[in-house]
Amino acid sequence: MKPRKKTWVRIPKGPIPESVREALKDRLLRHVSRRWKNRIRKLFIRFHGAYVYIAALERQKGDLSPLQIVRYADQGEVPVELCRLGYLGLVEEWEYAFYKYSDDCYAPSVVASGRFTAAPEQCFDTSAGVYLSG
């Protein structure tokens, strides 16, 4: 039997401190307000243990309402699931998992830079670029 090759893995650490949660929400709100303001009406951010789940509700044509950050969708709203971020102990670097509609699950993935970890804005852009660009 061959010896198994060892792989270095960083495990997300939770729960995420409240100060980090607030900093992440502020960063994503600023980023989405600048880069995606004409595409996104609501940003859904949910925290669970060491993970942050991010989804978005697309803006309808002619909708000028301000961007909102919410936890849950209102009745009749169907947000687009985007990604899951795993807290690695740093505000600048998060583990990235892409939401796969084909399997209805989050799968560890790489961002545009080719890394499995990245800044939250880069993680968001990677998923939103796939699901919201069309």
C-alpha atoms as a PDB file:
ATOM      1  CA  MET A   1       0.000   0.000   0.000  1.00  0.00           C
ATOM      2  CA  LYS A   2       1.309   3.428  -0.983  1.00  0.00           C
ATOM      3  CA  PRO A   3       1.602   6.079   1.703  1.00  0.00           C
ATOM      4  CA  ARG A   4      -1.025   8.789   1.317  1.00  0.00           C
ATOM      5  CA  LYS A   5       0.145  12.186   0.249  1.00  0.00           C
ATOM      6  CA  LYS A   6      -0.471  14.750   2.980  1.00  0.00           C
ATOM      7  CA  THR A   7      -2.279  17.930   2.100  1.00  0.00           C
ATOM      8  CA  TRP A   8      -2.192  21.162   4.042  1.00  0.00           C
ATOM      9  CA  VAL A   9      -5.675  22.371   4.873  1.00  0.00           C
ATOM     10  CA  ARG A  10      -6.835  25.401   6.845  1.00  0.00           C
ATOM     11  CA  ILE A  11      -9.914  24.711   8.926  1.00  0.00           C
ATOM     12  CA  PRO A  12     -12.446  27.529   9.469  1.00  0.00           C
ATOM     13  CA  LYS A  13     -12.707  28.685  13.089  1.00  0.00           C
ATOM     14  CA  GLY A  14     -15.967  29.644  14.730  1.00  0.00           C
ATOM     15  CA  PRO A  15     -17.957  31.197  16.028  1.00  0.00           C
ATOM     16  CA  ILE A  16     -17.139  34.398  14.164  1.00  0.00           C
ATOM     17  CA  PRO A  17     -16.656  37.327  16.593  1.00  0.00           C
ATOM     18  CA  GLU A  18     -19.291  40.078  16.449  1.00  0.00           C
ATOM     19  CA  SER A  19     -16.672  42.696  15.497  1.00  0.00           C
ATOM     20  CA  VAL A  20     -15.635  40.593  12.488  1.00  0.00           C
ATOM     21  CA  ARG A  21     -19.279  40.077  11.494  1.00  0.00           C
ATOM     22  CA  GLU A  22     -19.921  43.822  11.487  1.00  0.00           C
ATOM     23  CA  ALA A  23     -16.678  44.550   9.611  1.00  0.00           C
ATOM     24  CA  LEU A  24     -17.569  41.952   6.962  1.00  0.00           C
ATOM     25  CA  LYS A  25     -21.088  43.366   6.490  1.00  0.00           C
ATOM     26  CA  ASP A  26     -19.676  46.899   6.136  1.00  0.00           C
ATOM     27  CA  ARG A  27     -17.040  45.774   3.599  1.00  0.00           C
ATOM     28  CA  LEU A  28     -19.542  43.871   1.484  1.00  0.00           C
ATOM     29  CA  LEU A  29     -22.089  46.691   1.616  1.00  0.00           C
ATOM     30  CA  ARG A  30     -19.481  49.213   0.408  1.00  0.00           C
ATOM     31  CA  HIS A  31     -18.235  46.866  -2.303  1.00  0.00           C
ATOM     32  CA  VAL A  32     -21.658  45.865  -3.622  1.00  0.00           C
ATOM     33  CA  SER A  33     -22.855  49.496  -3.488  1.00  0.00           C
ATOM     34  CA  ARG A  34     -19.963  50.498  -5.752  1.00  0.00           C
ATOM     35  CA  ARG A  35     -19.579  47.553  -8.089  1.00  0.00           C
ATOM     36  CA  TRP A  36     -23.016  45.893  -8.224  1.00  0.00           C
ATOM     37  CA  LYS A  37     -25.444  48.720  -7.346  1.00  0.00           C
ATOM     38  CA  ASN A  38     -27.372  48.426 -10.632  1.00  0.00           C
ATOM     39  CA  ARG A  39     -27.672  44.630 -10.348  1.00  0.00           C
ATOM     40  CA  ILE A  40     -28.430  43.898  -6.671  1.00  0.00           C
ATOM     41  CA  ARG A  41     -31.301  45.164  -4.532  1.00  0.00           C
ATOM     42  CA  LYS A  42     -30.782  43.017  -1.410  1.00  0.00           C
ATOM     43  CA  LEU A  43     -27.730  41.282  -0.021  1.00  0.00           C
ATOM     44  CA  PHE A  44     -28.458  38.314   2.235  1.00  0.00           C
ATOM     45  CA  ILE A  45     -25.773  37.566   4.825  1.00  0.00           C
ATOM     46  CA  ARG A  46     -26.266  34.747   7.340  1.00  0.00           C
ATOM     47  CA  PHE A  47     -23.752  33.640   9.957  1.00  0.00           C
ATOM     48  CA  HIS A  48     -23.629  30.092  11.267  1.00  0.00           C
ATOM     49  CA  GLY A  49     -20.676  28.878  13.319  1.00  0.00           C
ATOM     50  CA  ALA A  50     -17.468  29.426  11.362  1.00  0.00           C
ATOM     51  CA  TYR A  51     -19.302  30.193   8.111  1.00  0.00           C
ATOM     52  CA  VAL A  52     -20.995  33.105   6.341  1.00  0.00           C
ATOM     53  CA  TYR A  53     -23.612  32.359   3.688  1.00  0.00           C
ATOM     54  CA  ILE A  54     -24.113  35.025   1.018  1.00  0.00           C
ATOM     55  CA  ALA A  55     -26.998  35.400  -1.436  1.00  0.00           C
ATOM     56  CA  ALA A  56     -28.405  38.293  -3.468  1.00  0.00           C
ATOM     57  CA  LEU A  57     -31.716  39.468  -4.855  1.00  0.00           C
ATOM     58  CA  GLU A  58     -31.412  40.985  -8.303  1.00  0.00           C
ATOM     59  CA  ARG A  59     -32.731  44.473  -8.954  1.00  0.00           C
ATOM     60  CA  GLN A  60     -35.777  44.729 -11.223  1.00  0.00           C
ATOM     61  CA  LYS A  61     -35.682  47.170 -14.116  1.00  0.00           C
ATOM     62  CA  GLY A  62     -36.564  50.685 -12.918  1.00  0.00           C
ATOM     63  CA  ASP A  63     -36.087  49.825  -9.211  1.00  0.00           C
ATOM     64  CA  LEU A  64     -34.223  52.704  -7.537  1.00  0.00           C
ATOM     65  CA  SER A  65     -34.532  51.544  -3.914  1.00  0.00           C
ATOM     66  CA  PRO A  66     -31.328  51.612  -1.837  1.00  0.00           C
ATOM     67  CA  LEU A  67     -29.302  48.437  -1.323  1.00  0.00           C
ATOM     68  CA  GLN A  68     -30.254  46.536   1.839  1.00  0.00           C
ATOM     69  CA  ILE A  69     -28.455  43.909   3.888  1.00  0.00           C
ATOM     70  CA  VAL A  70     -30.892  41.407   5.356  1.00  0.00           C
ATOM     71  CA  ARG A  71     -30.765  37.970   6.898  1.00  0.00           C
ATOM     72  CA  TYR A  72     -33.830  36.316   5.386  1.00  0.00           C
ATOM     73  CA  ALA A  73     -35.955  36.770   2.256  1.00  0.00           C
ATOM     74  CA  ASP A  74     -39.459  38.198   2.410  1.00  0.00           C
ATOM     75  CA  GLN A  75     -42.330  36.052   1.220  1.00  0.00           C
ATOM     76  CA  GLY A  76     -42.217  35.691  -2.567  1.00  0.00           C
ATOM     77  CA  GLU A  77     -38.541  36.683  -2.869  1.00  0.00           C
ATOM     78  CA  VAL A  78     -36.149  34.115  -4.327  1.00  0.00           C
ATOM     79  CA  PRO A  79     -32.540  35.164  -3.753  1.00  0.00           C
ATOM     80  CA  VAL A  80     -29.662  33.801  -5.807  1.00  0.00           C
ATOM     81  CA  GLU A  81     -27.374  31.741  -3.568  1.00  0.00           C
ATOM     82  CA  LEU A  82     -23.786  32.802  -4.256  1.00  0.00           C
ATOM     83  CA  CYS A  83     -21.157  31.501  -1.875  1.00  0.00           C
ATOM     84  CA  ARG A  84     -20.049  30.456   1.587  1.00  0.00           C
ATOM     85  CA  LEU A  85     -17.073  32.011   3.347  1.00  0.00           C
ATOM     86  CA  GLY A  86     -15.181  30.181   6.078  1.00  0.00           C
ATOM     87  CA  TYR A  87     -13.593  32.282   8.835  1.00  0.00           C
ATOM     88  CA  LEU A  88      -9.855  31.573   9.083  1.00  0.00           C
ATOM     89  CA  GLY A  89      -9.131  34.024  11.898  1.00  0.00           C
ATOM     90  CA  LEU A  90      -8.405  36.994   9.616  1.00  0.00           C
ATOM     91  CA  VAL A  91     -10.742  39.670   8.298  1.00  0.00           C
ATOM     92  CA  GLU A  92      -8.741  39.827   5.038  1.00  0.00           C
ATOM     93  CA  GLU A  93      -8.690  36.132   4.132  1.00  0.00           C
ATOM     94  CA  TRP A  94     -11.612  33.688   3.995  1.00  0.00           C
ATOM     95  CA  GLU A  95     -12.046  30.162   2.689  1.00  0.00           C
ATOM     96  CA  TYR A  96     -14.222  30.259  -0.449  1.00  0.00           C
ATOM     97  CA  ALA A  97     -16.945  27.799  -1.452  1.00  0.00           C
ATOM     98  CA  PHE A  98     -19.070  28.325  -4.574  1.00  0.00           C
ATOM     99  CA  TYR A  99     -22.783  27.460  -4.481  1.00  0.00           C
ATOM    100  CA  LYS A 100     -23.573  24.713  -6.993  1.00  0.00           C
ATOM    101  CA  TYR A 101     -27.194  24.660  -8.078  1.00  0.00           C
ATOM    102  CA  SER A 102     -26.631  21.326  -9.839  1.00  0.00           C
ATOM    103  CA  ASP A 103     -25.945  19.612  -6.481  1.00  0.00           C
ATOM    104  CA  ASP A 104     -27.665  22.145  -4.185  1.00  0.00           C
ATOM    105  CA  CYS A 105     -24.513  22.475  -2.077  1.00  0.00           C
ATOM    106  CA  TYR A 106     -21.410  24.582  -1.483  1.00  0.00           C
ATOM    107  CA  ALA A 107     -18.181  23.273  -3.000  1.00  0.00           C
ATOM    108  CA  PRO A 108     -14.680  24.496  -2.147  1.00  0.00           C
ATOM    109  CA  SER A 109     -13.503  26.418  -5.167  1.00  0.00           C
ATOM    110  CA  VAL A 110     -10.913  28.870  -6.412  1.00  0.00           C
ATOM    111  CA  VAL A 111     -11.396  32.581  -6.963  1.00  0.00           C
ATOM    112  CA  ALA A 112     -10.146  34.379 -10.081  1.00  0.00           C
ATOM    113  CA  SER A 113      -6.606  34.563  -8.650  1.00  0.00           C
ATOM    114  CA  GLY A 114      -6.482  30.752  -8.511  1.00  0.00           C
ATOM    115  CA  ARG A 115      -6.517  30.524  -4.690  1.00  0.00           C
ATOM    116  CA  PHE A 116      -8.970  28.748  -2.370  1.00  0.00           C
ATOM    117  CA  THR A 117      -8.794  31.693   0.052  1.00  0.00           C
ATOM    118  CA  ALA A 118      -9.321  35.377  -0.681  1.00  0.00           C
ATOM    119  CA  ALA A 119     -10.711  38.700   0.488  1.00  0.00           C
ATOM    120  CA  PRO A 120     -14.510  38.690   0.869  1.00  0.00           C
ATOM    121  CA  GLU A 121     -14.950  41.111  -2.028  1.00  0.00           C
ATOM    122  CA  GLN A 122     -13.039  38.812  -4.385  1.00  0.00           C
ATOM    123  CA  CYS A 123     -15.089  35.822  -3.224  1.00  0.00           C
ATOM    124  CA  PHE A 124     -18.319  37.741  -3.825  1.00  0.00           C
ATOM    125  CA  ASP A 125     -17.234  38.911  -7.286  1.00  0.00           C
ATOM    126  CA  THR A 126     -16.303  35.379  -8.339  1.00  0.00           C
ATOM    127  CA  SER A 127     -19.776  33.992  -7.566  1.00  0.00           C
ATOM    128  CA  ALA A 128     -21.742  37.077  -8.624  1.00  0.00           C
ATOM    129  CA  GLY A 129     -19.786  37.160 -11.878  1.00  0.00           C
ATOM    130  CA  VAL A 130     -21.135  33.713 -12.717  1.00  0.00           C
ATOM    131  CA  TYR A 131     -24.729  34.017 -11.512  1.00  0.00           C
ATOM    132  CA  LEU A 132     -25.533  37.711 -12.028  1.00  0.00           C
ATOM    133  CA  SER A 133     -23.670  38.681 -15.188  1.00  0.00           C
ATOM    134  CA  GLY A 134     -26.167  37.377 -17.704  1.00  0.00           C
END
